[in-house]
Protein backbone atom coordinates (compact mmCIF):
# COMPACT_ATOMS: atom_id res chain seq x y z
CA MET A 1 -74.05 -128.19 15.26
CA LEU A 2 -70.82 -127.14 17.23
CA VAL A 3 -69.15 -129.50 19.70
CA TRP A 4 -66.73 -128.95 22.35
CA ASP A 5 -63.00 -129.34 21.78
CA HIS A 6 -61.45 -130.54 25.16
CA LEU A 7 -58.78 -133.03 26.43
CA ALA A 8 -61.33 -133.79 28.99
CA PHE A 9 -59.49 -137.11 30.00
CA ALA A 10 -56.90 -134.78 31.55
CA TRP A 11 -59.31 -133.71 34.22
CA GLY A 12 -61.32 -136.99 34.67
CA THR A 13 -64.10 -136.81 32.02
CA ARG A 14 -64.36 -138.83 28.87
CA SER A 15 -63.93 -136.91 25.48
CA ALA A 16 -63.87 -137.65 21.89
CA ASP A 17 -61.76 -135.88 19.19
CA PRO A 18 -64.28 -133.22 17.89
CA TRP A 19 -63.21 -133.55 14.14
CA VAL A 20 -63.57 -137.46 14.17
CA ALA A 21 -66.94 -137.12 15.75
CA LEU A 22 -67.98 -134.21 13.37
CA ALA A 23 -66.87 -136.31 10.18
CA ALA A 24 -69.29 -138.87 11.45
CA ALA A 25 -72.22 -136.37 11.83
CA ALA A 26 -71.11 -134.95 8.23
CA GLN A 27 -72.13 -138.26 6.68
CA VAL A 28 -75.69 -138.53 7.95
CA THR A 29 -76.37 -134.71 7.37
CA SER A 30 -76.49 -132.60 4.53
CA ARG A 31 -77.57 -129.05 5.50
CA ILE A 32 -76.66 -128.23 9.05
CA ARG A 33 -73.30 -126.37 9.81
CA LEU A 34 -70.71 -128.28 11.76
CA GLY A 35 -67.70 -127.11 13.79
CA THR A 36 -66.34 -126.46 17.22
CA ALA A 37 -67.06 -124.18 20.24
CA VAL A 38 -64.28 -123.85 20.87
CA THR A 39 -60.94 -125.06 19.59
CA PRO A 40 -57.98 -123.97 21.81
CA VAL A 41 -55.96 -123.24 18.70
CA THR A 42 -52.67 -122.94 20.52
CA ARG A 43 -52.68 -126.53 21.59
CA HIS A 44 -52.33 -127.45 17.87
CA ARG A 45 -49.61 -126.69 15.42
CA PRO A 46 -51.48 -124.19 13.06
CA GLU A 47 -50.43 -126.03 9.88
CA THR A 48 -51.89 -129.26 11.15
CA LEU A 49 -55.06 -127.60 12.31
CA ALA A 50 -55.38 -125.78 8.93
CA GLN A 51 -54.93 -129.10 7.06
CA THR A 52 -57.59 -130.89 9.36
CA VAL A 53 -60.07 -128.09 8.95
CA ALA A 54 -59.49 -127.82 5.29
CA THR A 55 -60.04 -131.51 4.89
CA PHE A 56 -63.28 -131.63 7.00
CA ASP A 57 -64.58 -128.64 4.95
CA ARG A 58 -64.34 -130.60 1.62
CA LEU A 59 -65.61 -133.91 3.51
CA SER A 60 -68.83 -131.85 4.61
CA GLY A 61 -69.54 -129.96 1.56
CA GLY A 62 -68.47 -126.51 2.81
CA ARG A 63 -70.23 -126.53 6.09
CA THR A 64 -67.54 -125.91 8.49
CA ILE A 65 -67.30 -123.32 11.23
CA LEU A 66 -63.93 -123.03 13.17
CA GLY A 67 -64.65 -121.80 16.72
CA ALA A 68 -61.41 -120.52 17.99
CA GLY A 69 -60.18 -119.31 21.51
CA LEU A 70 -57.36 -119.62 24.03
CA GLY A 71 -58.70 -122.55 25.89
CA GLY A 72 -60.43 -122.26 29.52
CA VAL A 73 -59.31 -125.29 31.09
CA MET A 74 -55.54 -124.88 32.31
CA ARG A 75 -55.26 -128.39 33.11
CA GLU A 76 -55.42 -129.33 29.56
CA PHE A 77 -51.99 -127.58 29.30
CA THR A 78 -50.23 -128.07 32.64
CA ALA A 79 -51.15 -131.72 32.65
CA PHE A 80 -48.73 -132.02 29.73
CA GLY A 81 -45.81 -129.74 30.89
CA SER A 82 -46.84 -126.61 29.11
CA ALA A 83 -48.60 -123.41 30.00
CA ARG A 84 -51.35 -121.85 27.92
CA PRO A 85 -50.06 -119.34 25.27
CA GLY A 86 -51.29 -115.96 25.26
CA GLY A 87 -53.29 -113.85 22.82
CA PRO A 88 -50.37 -112.76 20.77
CA VAL A 89 -49.62 -116.62 19.99
CA LEU A 90 -53.41 -117.10 19.10
CA ASP A 91 -53.47 -114.13 16.70
CA GLU A 92 -50.34 -115.37 15.10
CA ALA A 93 -51.58 -118.92 14.58
CA LEU A 94 -54.92 -117.78 13.23
CA GLY A 95 -53.15 -115.62 10.79
CA VAL A 96 -50.90 -118.34 9.60
CA MET A 97 -54.06 -120.66 9.11
CA ALA A 98 -55.87 -118.11 7.10
CA SER A 99 -52.67 -117.58 4.85
CA LEU A 100 -52.64 -121.36 4.17
CA TRP A 101 -56.19 -121.42 3.35
CA SER A 102 -55.82 -118.59 0.71
CA GLY A 103 -53.99 -121.09 -1.57
CA ASP A 104 -50.97 -118.80 -1.95
CA GLU A 105 -47.51 -119.86 -1.41
CA VAL A 106 -46.84 -118.73 2.40
CA HIS A 107 -43.69 -117.17 3.77
CA HIS A 108 -44.10 -116.25 7.33
CA HIS A 109 -41.45 -115.53 9.88
CA GLY A 110 -43.01 -114.38 13.11
CA VAL A 111 -42.35 -114.50 16.70
CA HIS A 112 -44.01 -117.93 17.19
CA TYR A 113 -44.20 -119.51 13.89
CA THR A 114 -42.34 -119.98 10.56
CA VAL A 115 -43.72 -121.14 7.21
CA ASP A 116 -41.03 -121.37 4.59
CA GLY A 117 -42.64 -121.27 1.17
CA VAL A 118 -45.59 -123.82 1.74
CA ARG A 119 -48.75 -123.97 -0.28
CA LEU A 120 -51.51 -125.92 1.38
CA ALA A 121 -53.52 -128.49 -0.80
CA PRO A 122 -56.33 -129.47 -0.87
CA LEU A 123 -57.94 -126.06 0.22
CA PRO A 124 -61.37 -125.67 1.93
CA LEU A 125 -64.35 -125.39 -0.22
CA GLN A 126 -65.39 -122.13 1.44
CA ARG A 127 -63.74 -119.08 -0.05
CA PRO A 128 -61.83 -117.13 0.78
CA ARG A 129 -61.50 -119.42 3.86
CA VAL A 130 -63.55 -121.25 6.48
CA PRO A 131 -65.43 -118.83 8.94
CA VAL A 132 -63.69 -118.13 12.26
CA TRP A 133 -65.91 -117.57 15.36
CA VAL A 134 -64.01 -116.49 18.26
CA GLY A 135 -65.05 -117.35 21.83
CA GLY A 136 -64.44 -115.50 24.92
CA THR A 137 -65.69 -112.39 26.85
CA ALA A 138 -62.49 -110.65 27.76
CA PRO A 139 -61.73 -107.39 26.21
CA GLY A 140 -58.96 -109.12 24.14
CA ALA A 141 -61.47 -111.75 22.92
CA LEU A 142 -63.76 -109.33 21.86
CA ARG A 143 -61.28 -107.34 20.01
CA ARG A 144 -60.15 -110.55 18.25
CA ALA A 145 -63.41 -111.54 17.26
CA ALA A 146 -64.06 -108.17 15.76
CA ARG A 147 -61.36 -108.83 13.36
CA TRP A 148 -62.77 -112.39 12.11
CA ASP A 149 -66.28 -113.57 11.16
CA GLY A 150 -68.26 -114.10 14.55
CA TRP A 151 -68.30 -114.26 18.26
CA ILE A 152 -69.32 -117.35 20.47
CA VAL A 153 -70.47 -116.57 23.99
CA ALA A 154 -71.57 -118.97 26.84
CA GLY A 155 -74.83 -117.92 28.01
CA ASP A 156 -75.80 -120.64 30.52
CA GLY A 157 -74.18 -122.08 33.64
CA GLN A 158 -73.64 -125.82 34.58
CA GLU A 159 -77.04 -126.01 36.29
CA GLY A 160 -78.70 -125.57 32.92
CA ARG A 161 -80.07 -122.19 33.55
CA MET A 162 -79.18 -118.88 31.51
CA THR A 163 -76.97 -116.60 33.24
CA LEU A 164 -76.53 -113.92 30.24
CA SER A 165 -79.22 -111.46 30.01
CA PRO A 166 -80.35 -109.98 26.69
CA ASP A 167 -79.26 -106.52 28.11
CA ALA A 168 -75.82 -107.92 29.00
CA LEU A 169 -75.52 -109.42 25.37
CA ALA A 170 -76.45 -105.97 23.82
CA ALA A 171 -73.61 -104.40 25.72
CA GLN A 172 -70.94 -106.97 24.75
CA VAL A 173 -72.15 -106.74 21.07
CA SER A 174 -72.01 -102.87 21.11
CA GLU A 175 -68.45 -102.99 22.46
CA LEU A 176 -67.32 -105.61 19.92
CA ARG A 177 -68.80 -103.77 16.96
CA ARG A 178 -66.90 -100.62 18.24
CA HIS A 179 -63.84 -102.55 17.32
CA ARG A 180 -65.18 -103.72 13.93
CA SER A 181 -64.70 -101.80 10.83
CA GLY A 182 -67.31 -101.96 8.07
CA ALA A 183 -70.93 -103.24 8.23
CA ASP A 184 -70.64 -106.47 6.45
CA ASP A 185 -72.14 -109.71 7.92
CA PHE A 186 -71.07 -110.85 11.49
CA ASP A 187 -72.28 -113.56 13.49
CA VAL A 188 -73.00 -113.72 17.24
CA ALA A 189 -73.72 -117.18 18.45
CA VAL A 190 -75.13 -117.57 22.02
CA ILE A 191 -74.75 -121.06 23.78
CA GLY A 192 -77.73 -121.38 25.83
CA VAL A 193 -80.80 -123.39 27.25
CA SER A 194 -84.28 -123.15 26.28
CA GLU A 195 -87.67 -125.07 26.62
CA PRO A 196 -89.29 -126.19 23.63
CA GLY A 197 -91.30 -123.24 21.75
CA SER A 198 -89.56 -120.62 23.95
CA PRO A 199 -89.08 -117.47 21.77
CA MET A 200 -85.70 -116.02 21.78
CA THR A 201 -86.72 -112.72 20.47
CA ALA A 202 -85.08 -110.49 23.11
CA TYR A 203 -81.63 -112.10 22.19
CA ALA A 204 -82.08 -111.83 18.64
CA GLU A 205 -82.86 -108.11 19.13
CA ALA A 206 -79.66 -107.93 21.35
CA GLY A 207 -77.58 -108.95 18.33
CA ALA A 208 -77.77 -112.87 18.51
CA THR A 209 -77.74 -114.54 14.92
CA TRP A 210 -77.44 -118.00 16.03
CA TRP A 211 -78.90 -119.80 19.11
CA LEU A 212 -76.66 -122.93 20.14
CA GLU A 213 -78.90 -125.17 22.27
CA HIS A 214 -76.33 -126.41 25.06
CA LEU A 215 -77.02 -130.26 25.50
CA HIS A 216 -74.76 -131.63 28.19
CA GLY A 217 -74.98 -134.37 31.21
CA TYR A 218 -75.31 -131.68 33.88
CA ARG A 219 -78.41 -130.55 32.43
CA GLY A 220 -80.24 -133.93 32.72
CA SER A 221 -80.52 -137.47 31.78
CA VAL A 222 -79.79 -138.76 28.11
CA GLU A 223 -83.61 -139.23 27.72
CA HIS A 224 -84.46 -135.82 28.62
CA LEU A 225 -81.74 -134.37 26.30
CA MET A 226 -83.32 -136.46 23.59
CA GLU A 227 -86.57 -135.11 24.25
CA ARG A 228 -85.36 -131.58 23.80
CA VAL A 229 -83.55 -132.43 20.60
CA LYS A 230 -86.67 -134.12 19.00
CA ALA A 231 -88.79 -130.98 19.92
CA GLY A 232 -86.73 -129.15 17.32
CA PRO A 233 -85.32 -125.58 17.39
CA ILE A 234 -87.02 -122.67 18.97
CA THR A 235 -89.08 -120.57 16.95
């Protein structure tokens, strides 16, 4: 289960802190993976986000996934007097977080961040670190995802219909893997909509390893969404 990470109150919609909400979910589940899709990493300080994620990974028994991206809603930055930082800032922030999760004493003096001899404790349960799945479809996002553990792509529109075809997904996965060295495991998570029992074979064949059923208010009533949840995962 991945939840959004937005300051939606900045643009008129109610929103909860994702890590607090996920902590509640962790207490009533034992097997499902939990995380964000996606966290605008540069809206946070990397050291505090690294600590939050590490703490949650221990709380959840090592079930955390960090979805990471630049952030797609500019209002969440501009409403508080800042511009959205670019890709180089995100890359450096992710590097700082990974170094902190390693357990080593971190000495980092970069363009955007400094870490002066700090060792994070406690560490995440997952080793060597929490999996990082990168969101976005721009060329830079695909290159970034190739350097980490997975890629998250939105496959549906606000009206609750799929906009990403299996062929389009396959082309993007091919481009992503062109930037990835080695043949080790890599996750491709598609956020989409389906009806109960609808097979997703074509998306799996295109490279998807995860299907994230998109549940939101534009799709229908709470009762309708609960019916979809109770129907269970696709087969």
